[in-house]
Protein backbone atom coordinates (compact mmCIF):
# COMPACT_ATOMS: atom_id res chain seq x y z
CA MET A 1 132.27 -29.62 55.37
CA SER A 2 135.76 -29.83 56.81
CA LYS A 3 137.69 -33.06 56.61
CA HIS A 4 138.14 -33.04 60.43
CA ARG A 5 134.36 -32.88 61.11
CA ARG A 6 133.66 -35.66 58.58
CA GLU A 7 136.35 -37.83 60.27
CA ARG A 8 134.58 -37.31 63.63
CA ILE A 9 131.24 -38.16 62.09
CA ASN A 10 132.70 -41.37 60.59
CA ALA A 11 134.23 -42.40 63.86
CA GLU A 12 131.02 -41.77 65.75
CA MET A 13 128.91 -43.59 63.14
CA LYS A 14 131.32 -46.52 63.43
CA ARG A 15 130.83 -46.65 67.15
CA VAL A 16 127.04 -46.30 66.95
CA LEU A 17 126.62 -48.88 64.24
CA SER A 18 128.91 -51.37 66.16
CA ASN A 19 126.59 -50.91 69.16
CA ILE A 20 123.50 -51.31 67.02
CA PHE A 21 124.76 -54.60 65.57
CA LEU A 22 125.64 -55.79 69.07
CA VAL A 23 122.61 -54.68 71.09
CA ASP A 24 119.64 -53.60 68.96
CA LEU A 25 119.99 -55.83 65.92
CA PRO A 26 121.67 -59.08 66.76
CA ILE A 27 121.96 -60.66 63.29
CA GLN A 28 122.62 -64.26 64.32
CA GLN A 29 123.53 -66.11 67.47
CA ASN A 30 127.23 -67.11 67.64
CA ASN A 31 128.23 -64.69 64.91
CA ILE A 32 130.25 -61.57 65.09
CA VAL A 33 129.67 -58.54 62.82
CA SER A 34 132.44 -55.94 63.15
CA VAL A 35 132.36 -52.45 61.63
CA LEU A 36 135.90 -51.88 60.34
CA ARG A 37 135.41 -48.37 58.86
CA VAL A 38 132.79 -45.88 57.76
CA GLU A 39 133.29 -43.43 54.93
CA THR A 40 130.71 -40.69 54.39
CA SER A 41 130.36 -38.61 51.32
CA LYS A 42 131.14 -34.86 51.59
CA ASP A 43 127.45 -33.98 51.60
CA LEU A 44 126.54 -36.75 54.11
CA GLU A 45 124.14 -38.25 51.61
CA GLU A 46 125.79 -41.70 51.53
CA ALA A 47 127.97 -43.75 53.82
CA LYS A 48 129.98 -46.84 52.93
CA VAL A 49 130.10 -49.19 55.96
CA TYR A 50 132.95 -51.68 55.69
CA ILE A 51 132.05 -54.79 57.74
CA SER A 52 133.68 -58.14 58.72
CA VAL A 53 131.61 -61.14 59.40
CA LEU A 54 132.79 -64.26 61.18
CA LYS A 55 130.53 -66.81 59.40
CA ASP A 56 127.66 -66.98 56.94
CA ARG A 57 128.88 -63.84 55.26
CA GLN A 58 126.36 -63.52 52.38
CA ASP A 59 123.41 -64.42 54.62
CA VAL A 60 124.41 -61.72 57.08
CA LEU A 61 124.90 -59.13 54.23
CA GLU A 62 121.42 -59.89 52.90
CA LYS A 63 119.88 -59.47 56.33
CA LEU A 64 121.68 -56.14 56.84
CA ASN A 65 120.50 -54.93 53.41
CA GLU A 66 116.93 -55.87 54.31
CA ALA A 67 117.21 -54.04 57.61
CA LYS A 68 118.70 -50.75 56.15
CA PRO A 69 115.56 -48.61 56.91
CA TYR A 70 115.46 -49.85 60.57
CA ILE A 71 119.25 -49.34 60.89
CA ARG A 72 118.97 -45.79 59.58
CA HIS A 73 116.09 -45.11 61.98
CA LEU A 74 118.16 -46.38 64.96
CA LEU A 75 121.15 -44.32 63.66
CA GLY A 76 118.98 -41.22 63.51
CA GLN A 77 117.89 -41.77 67.11
CA LYS A 78 121.42 -42.16 68.44
CA MET A 79 123.21 -39.59 66.38
CA LYS A 80 122.34 -35.85 66.23
CA LEU A 81 122.65 -35.21 62.45
CA ARG A 82 120.36 -33.32 60.10
CA LYS A 83 120.82 -35.90 57.45
CA ILE A 84 121.18 -39.59 58.07
CA PRO A 85 123.06 -41.06 55.12
CA LYS A 86 122.00 -43.84 52.97
CA LEU A 87 123.99 -46.92 53.97
CA SER A 88 125.94 -49.26 51.70
CA PHE A 89 127.33 -52.29 53.44
CA ILE A 90 130.57 -53.66 52.00
CA LEU A 91 131.77 -56.98 53.03
CA VAL A 92 135.54 -57.14 53.68
CA ASP A 93 137.86 -59.94 54.34
CA ASP A 94 139.58 -58.35 57.39
CA MET A 95 142.75 -60.29 56.90
CA HIS A 96 143.42 -58.06 53.80
CA PHE A 97 141.82 -54.86 54.96
CA MET A 98 144.01 -51.96 55.40
CA VAL A 99 142.85 -49.00 57.56
């Protein structure tokens, strides 16, 4: 797969996941979950999702890990890909995160 195509998929997945967290899967009231970056593997088998959370970071990370199958299901409905990658959520302190 070309690097350019993978970059487009990463950007679209970031947009779709941000929307899922905002609309379809609100984690907690009065909390913000931001998708900072998505990195998919060359074969689209796995995706690392770098997230920033305003408060209750570990609690939110646990809830996201429990909801992985549902999040993948929603991702599959909203993106036209043959393979929906396995998601790994990585909690990032956005003050030190470099894009």
